[in-house]
Amino acid sequence: MGWWHIRQAARAMHLGGVIAYPTEAVWGLGCDPFNEAAVHRLLKIKRRPLHKGLILVASSIQQVQPLLDNIAPEDQVRIKATWPGPVTWILPDPDNLIPTWVKGNHSSVAVRVSDHYQVKSLCDAFGSMIISTSANFSDKHPARDKMKVSIHFKNKVDVIVPGELGKLSRPTKIYRLDSLKPVRS
């Protein structure tokens, strides 16, 4: 993976673009979560309804700290014990820090602090968390190789970041603060 590709992807996102990139288990689509037009474009590409909401991914706890500030200390310890890593948490957003076009019909938001080298590099180069949703059309299997991404999304996204998937065989687990069982395992 060259830094050139990471910088190109970060620049595309700053300009409202949509990118495809490798994550811990599957290829993902991403964009600037605070750019409404970019998020709507990503949803249109993916054929995903707005109401479902999207996952945010970050490179460090500092990038998501404002979402943790209103959470009980014992829950913060539980979350931070899994980050960075392949665990997504559904966090409350009582201050509406995250736009509704990311959260969908939810008052909470799904967030992960990744330990995947390229995901971290993308978030660092972009300077913030980004959208992370599987590279597939809604209700289809996520892409696990660059060829499928190229076939389905080459003319729909602005940049395809070359690289390798992490070692997971399935998308990351998703947890809620009010349960010990994952929402998605």
N, C-alpha and C. Protein backbone atom coordinates (compact mmCIF):
# COMPACT_ATOMS: atom_id res chain seq x y z
N MET A 1 0.84 -1.18 0.00
CA MET A 1 0.00 0.00 0.00
C MET A 1 0.88 1.23 0.00
N GLY A 2 0.64 2.11 -0.95
CA GLY A 2 1.40 3.33 -0.99
C GLY A 2 0.66 4.48 -0.34
N TRP A 3 1.44 5.38 0.25
CA TRP A 3 0.85 6.57 0.86
C TRP A 3 0.13 7.42 -0.18
N TRP A 4 0.57 7.30 -1.42
CA TRP A 4 -0.06 8.06 -2.49
C TRP A 4 -1.55 7.71 -2.58
N HIS A 5 -1.88 6.43 -2.51
CA HIS A 5 -3.28 5.99 -2.58
C HIS A 5 -4.09 6.50 -1.39
N ILE A 6 -3.48 6.46 -0.21
CA ILE A 6 -4.16 6.94 0.99
C ILE A 6 -4.43 8.45 0.87
N ARG A 7 -3.42 9.20 0.45
CA ARG A 7 -3.60 10.65 0.29
C ARG A 7 -4.64 10.96 -0.78
N GLN A 8 -4.63 10.19 -1.87
CA GLN A 8 -5.60 10.38 -2.94
C GLN A 8 -7.03 10.11 -2.42
N ALA A 9 -7.19 9.06 -1.61
CA ALA A 9 -8.50 8.73 -1.06
C ALA A 9 -8.96 9.80 -0.07
N ALA A 10 -8.06 10.28 0.79
CA ALA A 10 -8.41 11.33 1.74
C ALA A 10 -8.83 12.60 1.01
N ARG A 11 -8.08 12.94 -0.02
CA ARG A 11 -8.42 14.13 -0.82
C ARG A 11 -9.80 13.97 -1.47
N ALA A 12 -10.05 12.80 -2.03
CA ALA A 12 -11.36 12.54 -2.65
C ALA A 12 -12.48 12.71 -1.63
N MET A 13 -12.29 12.20 -0.42
CA MET A 13 -13.34 12.34 0.61
C MET A 13 -13.53 13.81 1.00
N HIS A 14 -12.44 14.56 1.10
CA HIS A 14 -12.55 15.99 1.42
C HIS A 14 -13.31 16.74 0.33
N LEU A 15 -13.27 16.22 -0.89
CA LEU A 15 -13.98 16.85 -2.00
C LEU A 15 -15.39 16.28 -2.21
N GLY A 16 -15.83 15.44 -1.25
CA GLY A 16 -17.17 14.87 -1.34
C GLY A 16 -17.24 13.54 -2.05
N GLY A 17 -16.09 12.90 -2.26
CA GLY A 17 -16.05 11.64 -2.98
C GLY A 17 -16.35 10.43 -2.12
N VAL A 18 -16.56 9.32 -2.79
CA VAL A 18 -16.79 8.01 -2.16
C VAL A 18 -15.63 7.12 -2.55
N ILE A 19 -15.12 6.36 -1.57
CA ILE A 19 -13.99 5.48 -1.82
C ILE A 19 -14.36 4.04 -1.47
N ALA A 20 -13.56 3.10 -1.99
CA ALA A 20 -13.63 1.69 -1.60
C ALA A 20 -12.27 1.35 -1.00
N TYR A 21 -12.28 0.56 0.08
CA TYR A 21 -11.02 0.26 0.77
C TYR A 21 -11.15 -1.04 1.56
N PRO A 22 -10.02 -1.72 1.80
CA PRO A 22 -10.04 -2.95 2.57
C PRO A 22 -10.19 -2.65 4.06
N THR A 23 -10.92 -3.51 4.76
CA THR A 23 -11.09 -3.38 6.21
C THR A 23 -10.66 -4.69 6.88
N GLU A 24 -11.11 -4.88 8.10
CA GLU A 24 -10.70 -6.05 8.87
C GLU A 24 -11.17 -7.37 8.26
N ALA A 25 -12.33 -7.36 7.58
CA ALA A 25 -12.90 -8.62 7.07
C ALA A 25 -13.41 -8.53 5.64
N VAL A 26 -13.92 -7.38 5.25
CA VAL A 26 -14.51 -7.22 3.93
C VAL A 26 -14.08 -5.87 3.35
N TRP A 27 -14.31 -5.69 2.07
CA TRP A 27 -14.06 -4.39 1.47
C TRP A 27 -15.17 -3.45 1.91
N GLY A 28 -14.81 -2.19 2.10
CA GLY A 28 -15.76 -1.21 2.55
C GLY A 28 -15.90 -0.05 1.58
N LEU A 29 -17.01 0.66 1.73
CA LEU A 29 -17.21 1.93 1.05
C LEU A 29 -17.18 3.00 2.12
N GLY A 30 -16.58 4.14 1.79
CA GLY A 30 -16.47 5.20 2.78
C GLY A 30 -16.58 6.58 2.18
N CYS A 31 -16.82 7.55 3.06
CA CYS A 31 -16.89 8.95 2.67
C CYS A 31 -16.86 9.78 3.95
N ASP A 32 -16.91 11.09 3.78
CA ASP A 32 -16.96 12.03 4.88
C ASP A 32 -18.36 11.96 5.51
N PRO A 33 -18.47 11.56 6.78
CA PRO A 33 -19.78 11.43 7.39
C PRO A 33 -20.50 12.76 7.58
N PHE A 34 -19.78 13.86 7.52
CA PHE A 34 -20.39 15.18 7.74
C PHE A 34 -20.76 15.87 6.44
N ASN A 35 -20.56 15.18 5.32
CA ASN A 35 -20.93 15.71 4.01
C ASN A 35 -22.20 14.97 3.57
N GLU A 36 -23.33 15.64 3.70
CA GLU A 36 -24.61 15.00 3.42
C GLU A 36 -24.71 14.47 2.00
N ALA A 37 -24.24 15.26 1.03
CA ALA A 37 -24.32 14.83 -0.36
C ALA A 37 -23.48 13.57 -0.59
N ALA A 38 -22.31 13.51 0.04
CA ALA A 38 -21.44 12.33 -0.12
C ALA A 38 -22.10 11.09 0.47
N VAL A 39 -22.71 11.23 1.64
CA VAL A 39 -23.37 10.09 2.27
C VAL A 39 -24.55 9.63 1.43
N HIS A 40 -25.33 10.55 0.90
CA HIS A 40 -26.46 10.17 0.05
C HIS A 40 -25.97 9.48 -1.22
N ARG A 41 -24.86 9.96 -1.76
CA ARG A 41 -24.29 9.31 -2.95
C ARG A 41 -23.86 7.87 -2.62
N LEU A 42 -23.20 7.69 -1.46
CA LEU A 42 -22.78 6.35 -1.04
C LEU A 42 -23.99 5.44 -0.89
N LEU A 43 -25.04 5.95 -0.25
CA LEU A 43 -26.25 5.15 -0.07
C LEU A 43 -26.87 4.77 -1.41
N LYS A 44 -26.85 5.69 -2.35
CA LYS A 44 -27.39 5.41 -3.69
C LYS A 44 -26.55 4.34 -4.39
N ILE A 45 -25.23 4.45 -4.31
CA ILE A 45 -24.33 3.46 -4.91
C ILE A 45 -24.61 2.08 -4.33
N LYS A 46 -24.76 2.02 -3.02
CA LYS A 46 -24.95 0.75 -2.31
C LYS A 46 -26.40 0.25 -2.38
N ARG A 47 -27.31 1.14 -2.77
CA ARG A 47 -28.75 0.84 -2.80
C ARG A 47 -29.25 0.51 -1.39
N ARG A 48 -28.76 1.30 -0.44
CA ARG A 48 -29.12 1.11 0.97
C ARG A 48 -30.06 2.23 1.41
N PRO A 49 -31.14 1.88 2.09
CA PRO A 49 -32.05 2.92 2.57
C PRO A 49 -31.42 3.75 3.69
N LEU A 50 -31.74 5.01 3.72
CA LEU A 50 -31.21 5.94 4.71
C LEU A 50 -31.55 5.54 6.13
N HIS A 51 -32.73 5.01 6.36
CA HIS A 51 -33.20 4.75 7.72
C HIS A 51 -32.37 3.72 8.48
N LYS A 52 -31.61 2.89 7.78
CA LYS A 52 -30.83 1.84 8.45
C LYS A 52 -29.63 2.38 9.21
N GLY A 53 -29.08 3.51 8.78
CA GLY A 53 -27.89 4.05 9.43
C GLY A 53 -26.62 3.39 8.93
N LEU A 54 -25.49 4.00 9.29
CA LEU A 54 -24.18 3.54 8.82
C LEU A 54 -23.20 3.48 9.99
N ILE A 55 -22.12 2.77 9.81
CA ILE A 55 -21.06 2.65 10.82
C ILE A 55 -20.00 3.70 10.55
N LEU A 56 -19.45 4.25 11.63
CA LEU A 56 -18.29 5.13 11.55
C LEU A 56 -17.07 4.36 12.02
N VAL A 57 -15.93 4.63 11.39
CA VAL A 57 -14.69 4.01 11.80
C VAL A 57 -13.67 5.12 12.05
N ALA A 58 -12.83 4.91 13.06
CA ALA A 58 -11.83 5.91 13.44
C ALA A 58 -10.48 5.21 13.64
N SER A 59 -9.44 6.04 13.69
CA SER A 59 -8.09 5.50 13.88
C SER A 59 -7.66 5.55 15.34
N SER A 60 -8.36 6.34 16.16
CA SER A 60 -7.97 6.49 17.56
C SER A 60 -9.19 6.82 18.41
N ILE A 61 -9.06 6.56 19.69
CA ILE A 61 -10.13 6.90 20.62
C ILE A 61 -10.34 8.42 20.63
N GLN A 62 -9.28 9.18 20.43
CA GLN A 62 -9.39 10.64 20.42
C GLN A 62 -10.38 11.10 19.34
N GLN A 63 -10.42 10.42 18.20
CA GLN A 63 -11.32 10.82 17.13
C GLN A 63 -12.79 10.63 17.50
N VAL A 64 -13.08 9.76 18.45
CA VAL A 64 -14.47 9.51 18.85
C VAL A 64 -14.76 9.95 20.29
N GLN A 65 -13.79 10.56 20.94
CA GLN A 65 -13.93 10.92 22.36
C GLN A 65 -15.20 11.70 22.67
N PRO A 66 -15.61 12.66 21.83
CA PRO A 66 -16.85 13.39 22.16
C PRO A 66 -18.06 12.46 22.33
N LEU A 67 -18.09 11.34 21.63
CA LEU A 67 -19.20 10.39 21.79
C LEU A 67 -19.10 9.61 23.10
N LEU A 68 -17.90 9.54 23.66
CA LEU A 68 -17.69 8.80 24.90
C LEU A 68 -17.90 9.67 26.15
N ASP A 69 -17.87 10.98 25.97
CA ASP A 69 -17.90 11.89 27.11
C ASP A 69 -19.15 11.75 27.98
N ASN A 70 -20.29 11.38 27.41
CA ASN A 70 -21.52 11.25 28.18
C ASN A 70 -21.82 9.82 28.64
N ILE A 71 -20.85 8.94 28.46
CA ILE A 71 -21.04 7.54 28.82
C ILE A 71 -20.45 7.28 30.20
N ALA A 72 -21.11 6.45 30.97
CA ALA A 72 -20.65 6.10 32.32
C ALA A 72 -19.21 5.57 32.28
N PRO A 73 -18.42 5.89 33.29
CA PRO A 73 -17.01 5.45 33.31
C PRO A 73 -16.83 3.94 33.15
N GLU A 74 -17.72 3.14 33.76
CA GLU A 74 -17.56 1.69 33.65
C GLU A 74 -17.84 1.21 32.21
N ASP A 75 -18.75 1.90 31.51
CA ASP A 75 -19.00 1.56 30.11
C ASP A 75 -17.83 2.01 29.23
N GLN A 76 -17.24 3.14 29.56
CA GLN A 76 -16.06 3.59 28.82
C GLN A 76 -14.93 2.57 28.94
N VAL A 77 -14.74 2.03 30.12
CA VAL A 77 -13.70 1.01 30.34
C VAL A 77 -13.99 -0.20 29.47
N ARG A 78 -15.25 -0.63 29.44
CA ARG A 78 -15.65 -1.80 28.64
C ARG A 78 -15.37 -1.56 27.15
N ILE A 79 -15.72 -0.38 26.66
CA ILE A 79 -15.50 -0.04 25.25
C ILE A 79 -14.02 0.02 24.94
N LYS A 80 -13.29 0.78 25.75
CA LYS A 80 -11.86 1.00 25.49
C LYS A 80 -11.04 -0.28 25.59
N ALA A 81 -11.56 -1.27 26.31
CA ALA A 81 -10.86 -2.56 26.40
C ALA A 81 -10.86 -3.29 25.06
N THR A 82 -11.79 -2.91 24.16
CA THR A 82 -11.88 -3.59 22.86
C THR A 82 -11.29 -2.76 21.72
N TRP A 83 -10.87 -1.54 22.01
CA TRP A 83 -10.34 -0.63 20.98
C TRP A 83 -8.90 -0.30 21.23
N PRO A 84 -8.08 -0.12 20.21
CA PRO A 84 -8.44 -0.40 18.82
C PRO A 84 -8.59 -1.90 18.59
N GLY A 85 -9.52 -2.22 17.73
CA GLY A 85 -9.77 -3.62 17.43
C GLY A 85 -11.03 -3.78 16.61
N PRO A 86 -11.35 -5.01 16.24
CA PRO A 86 -12.47 -5.28 15.34
C PRO A 86 -13.81 -5.41 16.06
N VAL A 87 -14.12 -4.43 16.90
CA VAL A 87 -15.38 -4.43 17.64
C VAL A 87 -16.07 -3.09 17.41
N THR A 88 -17.34 -3.16 17.00
CA THR A 88 -18.16 -1.97 16.77
C THR A 88 -19.12 -1.83 17.94
N TRP A 89 -19.26 -0.60 18.43
CA TRP A 89 -20.17 -0.31 19.54
C TRP A 89 -21.26 0.63 19.08
N ILE A 90 -22.48 0.37 19.52
CA ILE A 90 -23.59 1.28 19.29
C ILE A 90 -23.62 2.22 20.49
N LEU A 91 -23.33 3.50 20.21
CA LEU A 91 -23.19 4.49 21.28
C LEU A 91 -24.32 5.51 21.22
N PRO A 92 -24.78 5.96 22.38
CA PRO A 92 -25.80 7.01 22.39
C PRO A 92 -25.19 8.31 21.85
N ASP A 93 -26.04 9.13 21.27
CA ASP A 93 -25.60 10.44 20.75
C ASP A 93 -26.60 11.51 21.21
N PRO A 94 -26.68 11.73 22.54
CA PRO A 94 -27.69 12.67 23.05
C PRO A 94 -27.45 14.12 22.61
N ASP A 95 -26.22 14.46 22.27
CA ASP A 95 -25.91 15.83 21.86
C ASP A 95 -26.00 16.01 20.34
N ASN A 96 -26.42 14.95 19.63
CA ASN A 96 -26.54 14.99 18.16
C ASN A 96 -25.25 15.47 17.50
N LEU A 97 -24.15 14.87 17.90
CA LEU A 97 -22.85 15.18 17.30
C LEU A 97 -22.75 14.60 15.89
N ILE A 98 -23.48 13.51 15.66
CA ILE A 98 -23.44 12.81 14.38
C ILE A 98 -24.73 13.13 13.62
N PRO A 99 -24.60 13.48 12.33
CA PRO A 99 -25.79 13.86 11.55
C PRO A 99 -26.79 12.71 11.38
N THR A 100 -28.05 13.09 11.21
CA THR A 100 -29.10 12.09 11.03
C THR A 100 -28.89 11.26 9.78
N TRP A 101 -28.24 11.83 8.75
CA TRP A 101 -28.03 11.05 7.53
C TRP A 101 -27.03 9.92 7.75
N VAL A 102 -26.31 9.92 8.87
CA VAL A 102 -25.43 8.80 9.24
C VAL A 102 -26.19 7.84 10.16
N LYS A 103 -26.94 8.38 11.11
CA LYS A 103 -27.63 7.56 12.11
C LYS A 103 -28.91 6.92 11.60
N GLY A 104 -29.47 7.45 10.53
CA GLY A 104 -30.73 6.92 10.04
C GLY A 104 -31.84 7.21 11.03
N ASN A 105 -32.68 6.22 11.29
CA ASN A 105 -33.80 6.39 12.22
C ASN A 105 -33.41 6.11 13.67
N HIS A 106 -32.14 6.20 13.98
CA HIS A 106 -31.65 5.85 15.32
C HIS A 106 -31.17 7.10 16.06
N SER A 107 -31.25 7.05 17.37
CA SER A 107 -30.70 8.14 18.18
C SER A 107 -29.26 7.83 18.58
N SER A 108 -28.81 6.64 18.24
CA SER A 108 -27.45 6.19 18.54
C SER A 108 -26.67 6.03 17.24
N VAL A 109 -25.37 5.76 17.40
CA VAL A 109 -24.50 5.61 16.23
C VAL A 109 -23.54 4.44 16.46
N ALA A 110 -23.28 3.68 15.41
CA ALA A 110 -22.34 2.56 15.48
C ALA A 110 -20.94 3.06 15.15
N VAL A 111 -19.97 2.75 16.03
CA VAL A 111 -18.62 3.28 15.91
C VAL A 111 -17.59 2.19 16.19
N ARG A 112 -16.49 2.23 15.45
CA ARG A 112 -15.37 1.30 15.67
C ARG A 112 -14.06 2.07 15.59
N VAL A 113 -13.15 1.79 16.51
CA VAL A 113 -11.78 2.29 16.40
C VAL A 113 -10.96 1.10 15.91
N SER A 114 -10.54 1.18 14.67
CA SER A 114 -9.94 0.05 13.98
C SER A 114 -8.45 -0.11 14.31
N ASP A 115 -7.99 -1.33 14.23
CA ASP A 115 -6.55 -1.58 14.30
C ASP A 115 -6.01 -2.04 12.95
N HIS A 116 -6.85 -1.99 11.91
CA HIS A 116 -6.43 -2.35 10.55
C HIS A 116 -5.57 -1.20 10.00
N TYR A 117 -4.39 -1.53 9.54
CA TYR A 117 -3.41 -0.53 9.14
C TYR A 117 -3.95 0.47 8.12
N GLN A 118 -4.62 0.00 7.10
CA GLN A 118 -5.10 0.91 6.07
C GLN A 118 -6.29 1.75 6.53
N VAL A 119 -7.17 1.16 7.32
CA VAL A 119 -8.29 1.93 7.85
C VAL A 119 -7.75 3.06 8.73
N LYS A 120 -6.79 2.72 9.60
CA LYS A 120 -6.18 3.73 10.46
C LYS A 120 -5.50 4.81 9.62
N SER A 121 -4.78 4.40 8.60
CA SER A 121 -4.08 5.36 7.73
C SER A 121 -5.06 6.28 7.02
N LEU A 122 -6.18 5.74 6.56
CA LEU A 122 -7.19 6.55 5.89
C LEU A 122 -7.78 7.59 6.85
N CYS A 123 -8.14 7.16 8.05
CA CYS A 123 -8.71 8.08 9.03
C CYS A 123 -7.69 9.14 9.45
N ASP A 124 -6.44 8.75 9.61
CA ASP A 124 -5.40 9.72 9.96
C ASP A 124 -5.19 10.72 8.83
N ALA A 125 -5.11 10.24 7.60
CA ALA A 125 -4.91 11.14 6.45
C ALA A 125 -6.10 12.06 6.25
N PHE A 126 -7.31 11.55 6.51
CA PHE A 126 -8.51 12.35 6.38
C PHE A 126 -8.64 13.33 7.54
N GLY A 127 -8.12 12.93 8.70
CA GLY A 127 -8.16 13.79 9.88
C GLY A 127 -9.38 13.60 10.75
N SER A 128 -10.11 12.53 10.52
CA SER A 128 -11.35 12.30 11.27
C SER A 128 -11.83 10.88 11.00
N MET A 129 -12.92 10.52 11.68
CA MET A 129 -13.56 9.25 11.39
C MET A 129 -14.25 9.34 10.03
N ILE A 130 -14.48 8.17 9.44
CA ILE A 130 -15.12 8.10 8.13
C ILE A 130 -16.23 7.06 8.17
N ILE A 131 -17.06 7.07 7.15
CA ILE A 131 -18.09 6.03 7.00
C ILE A 131 -17.40 4.71 6.65
N SER A 132 -17.92 3.63 7.22
CA SER A 132 -17.42 2.30 6.89
C SER A 132 -18.62 1.36 6.75
N THR A 133 -18.99 1.10 5.51
CA THR A 133 -20.07 0.17 5.23
C THR A 133 -19.57 -0.83 4.20
N SER A 134 -20.03 -2.04 4.28
CA SER A 134 -19.51 -3.08 3.39
C SER A 134 -19.74 -2.73 1.92
N ALA A 135 -18.78 -3.10 1.10
CA ALA A 135 -18.85 -2.85 -0.34
C ALA A 135 -19.69 -3.95 -0.98
N ASN A 136 -20.97 -3.69 -1.03
CA ASN A 136 -21.92 -4.60 -1.64
C ASN A 136 -23.21 -3.84 -1.86
N PHE A 137 -24.05 -4.38 -2.71
CA PHE A 137 -25.38 -3.83 -2.84
C PHE A 137 -26.20 -4.38 -1.68
N SER A 138 -27.13 -3.60 -1.19
CA SER A 138 -27.93 -4.03 -0.03
C SER A 138 -28.46 -5.44 -0.23
N ASP A 139 -28.38 -6.22 0.83
CA ASP A 139 -28.87 -7.59 0.88
C ASP A 139 -28.06 -8.58 0.03
N LYS A 140 -26.88 -8.17 -0.43
CA LYS A 140 -25.97 -9.07 -1.14
C LYS A 140 -24.75 -9.31 -0.26
N HIS A 141 -23.95 -10.33 -0.57
CA HIS A 141 -22.76 -10.63 0.22
C HIS A 141 -21.70 -9.54 0.03
N PRO A 142 -21.02 -9.16 1.12
CA PRO A 142 -19.95 -8.16 1.01
C PRO A 142 -18.78 -8.68 0.17
N ALA A 143 -18.14 -7.76 -0.52
CA ALA A 143 -16.98 -8.12 -1.34
C ALA A 143 -15.80 -8.47 -0.45
N ARG A 144 -15.15 -9.59 -0.77
CA ARG A 144 -13.96 -10.00 -0.02
C ARG A 144 -12.70 -9.94 -0.88
N ASP A 145 -12.84 -9.46 -2.11
CA ASP A 145 -11.64 -9.29 -2.94
C ASP A 145 -11.79 -8.06 -3.83
N LYS A 146 -10.65 -7.52 -4.22
CA LYS A 146 -10.63 -6.28 -4.99
C LYS A 146 -11.31 -6.45 -6.35
N MET A 147 -11.25 -7.64 -6.93
CA MET A 147 -11.85 -7.85 -8.23
C MET A 147 -13.37 -7.61 -8.18
N LYS A 148 -14.03 -8.13 -7.15
CA LYS A 148 -15.48 -7.90 -7.02
C LYS A 148 -15.78 -6.41 -6.84
N VAL A 149 -14.94 -5.74 -6.06
CA VAL A 149 -15.13 -4.30 -5.86
C VAL A 149 -14.99 -3.59 -7.20
N SER A 150 -13.97 -3.95 -7.96
CA SER A 150 -13.75 -3.32 -9.27
C SER A 150 -14.91 -3.58 -10.22
N ILE A 151 -15.40 -4.81 -10.24
CA ILE A 151 -16.50 -5.16 -11.14
C ILE A 151 -17.76 -4.35 -10.82
N HIS A 152 -18.10 -4.26 -9.53
CA HIS A 152 -19.36 -3.63 -9.14
C HIS A 152 -19.27 -2.12 -8.92
N PHE A 153 -18.10 -1.62 -8.54
CA PHE A 153 -18.03 -0.23 -8.08
C PHE A 153 -17.01 0.65 -8.80
N LYS A 154 -16.25 0.10 -9.74
CA LYS A 154 -15.18 0.86 -10.37
C LYS A 154 -15.65 2.20 -10.94
N ASN A 155 -16.76 2.21 -11.63
CA ASN A 155 -17.26 3.43 -12.24
C ASN A 155 -18.20 4.22 -11.32
N LYS A 156 -18.35 3.76 -10.08
CA LYS A 156 -19.26 4.42 -9.15
C LYS A 156 -18.53 5.15 -8.02
N VAL A 157 -17.31 4.72 -7.70
CA VAL A 157 -16.54 5.37 -6.63
C VAL A 157 -15.39 6.17 -7.23
N ASP A 158 -14.85 7.08 -6.43
CA ASP A 158 -13.79 7.96 -6.92
C ASP A 158 -12.40 7.33 -6.80
N VAL A 159 -12.19 6.53 -5.76
CA VAL A 159 -10.89 5.89 -5.54
C VAL A 159 -11.11 4.49 -4.98
N ILE A 160 -10.37 3.53 -5.48
CA ILE A 160 -10.30 2.20 -4.88
C ILE A 160 -8.90 2.07 -4.30
N VAL A 161 -8.80 2.00 -2.99
CA VAL A 161 -7.51 1.92 -2.30
C VAL A 161 -7.04 0.47 -2.35
N PRO A 162 -5.90 0.19 -2.96
CA PRO A 162 -5.41 -1.18 -2.98
C PRO A 162 -4.94 -1.62 -1.59
N GLY A 163 -5.03 -2.90 -1.32
CA GLY A 163 -4.56 -3.39 -0.04
C GLY A 163 -5.15 -4.74 0.30
N GLU A 164 -4.86 -5.17 1.51
CA GLU A 164 -5.25 -6.49 1.98
C GLU A 164 -6.29 -6.39 3.08
N LEU A 165 -7.20 -7.35 3.09
CA LEU A 165 -8.15 -7.46 4.20
C LEU A 165 -7.41 -7.92 5.45
N GLY A 166 -8.01 -7.63 6.60
CA GLY A 166 -7.48 -8.15 7.86
C GLY A 166 -7.76 -9.65 7.95
N LYS A 167 -7.57 -10.20 9.10
CA LYS A 167 -7.65 -11.65 9.28
C LYS A 167 -9.05 -12.17 9.64
N LEU A 168 -10.03 -11.28 9.81
CA LEU A 168 -11.37 -11.74 10.15
C LEU A 168 -12.05 -12.39 8.95
N SER A 169 -12.84 -13.42 9.23
CA SER A 169 -13.58 -14.09 8.15
C SER A 169 -14.99 -13.53 8.01
N ARG A 170 -15.44 -12.74 9.01
CA ARG A 170 -16.78 -12.15 9.00
C ARG A 170 -16.68 -10.70 9.45
N PRO A 171 -17.66 -9.88 9.08
CA PRO A 171 -17.64 -8.49 9.54
C PRO A 171 -17.56 -8.40 11.07
N THR A 172 -17.12 -7.27 11.57
CA THR A 172 -16.88 -7.09 13.00
C THR A 172 -18.14 -7.31 13.83
N LYS A 173 -17.93 -7.74 15.07
CA LYS A 173 -19.04 -7.88 16.01
C LYS A 173 -19.54 -6.49 16.38
N ILE A 174 -20.84 -6.40 16.64
CA ILE A 174 -21.45 -5.14 17.08
C ILE A 174 -22.09 -5.37 18.43
N TYR A 175 -21.77 -4.48 19.39
CA TYR A 175 -22.31 -4.56 20.74
C TYR A 175 -23.10 -3.31 21.10
N ARG A 176 -24.04 -3.48 22.02
CA ARG A 176 -24.77 -2.37 22.65
C ARG A 176 -24.28 -2.28 24.09
N LEU A 177 -24.38 -1.13 24.69
CA LEU A 177 -23.94 -0.96 26.07
C LEU A 177 -24.83 -1.70 27.06
N ASP A 178 -26.09 -1.96 26.71
CA ASP A 178 -27.04 -2.57 27.64
C ASP A 178 -27.08 -4.09 27.56
N SER A 179 -26.10 -4.71 26.88
CA SER A 179 -26.11 -6.16 26.73
C SER A 179 -24.69 -6.70 26.64
N LEU A 180 -24.52 -7.91 27.09
CA LEU A 180 -23.23 -8.59 26.95
C LEU A 180 -23.18 -9.40 25.66
N LYS A 181 -24.36 -9.65 25.06
CA LYS A 181 -24.42 -10.40 23.81
C LYS A 181 -24.30 -9.44 22.64
N PRO A 182 -23.55 -9.84 21.61
CA PRO A 182 -23.44 -8.96 20.44
C PRO A 182 -24.75 -8.87 19.66
N VAL A 183 -24.99 -7.71 19.08
CA VAL A 183 -26.12 -7.50 18.17
C VAL A 183 -25.85 -8.24 16.88
N ARG A 184 -24.57 -8.19 16.45
CA ARG A 184 -24.12 -8.94 15.27
C ARG A 184 -22.86 -9.66 15.69
N SER A 185 -22.83 -10.98 15.46
CA SER A 185 -21.64 -11.75 15.84
C SER A 185 -21.03 -12.44 14.66
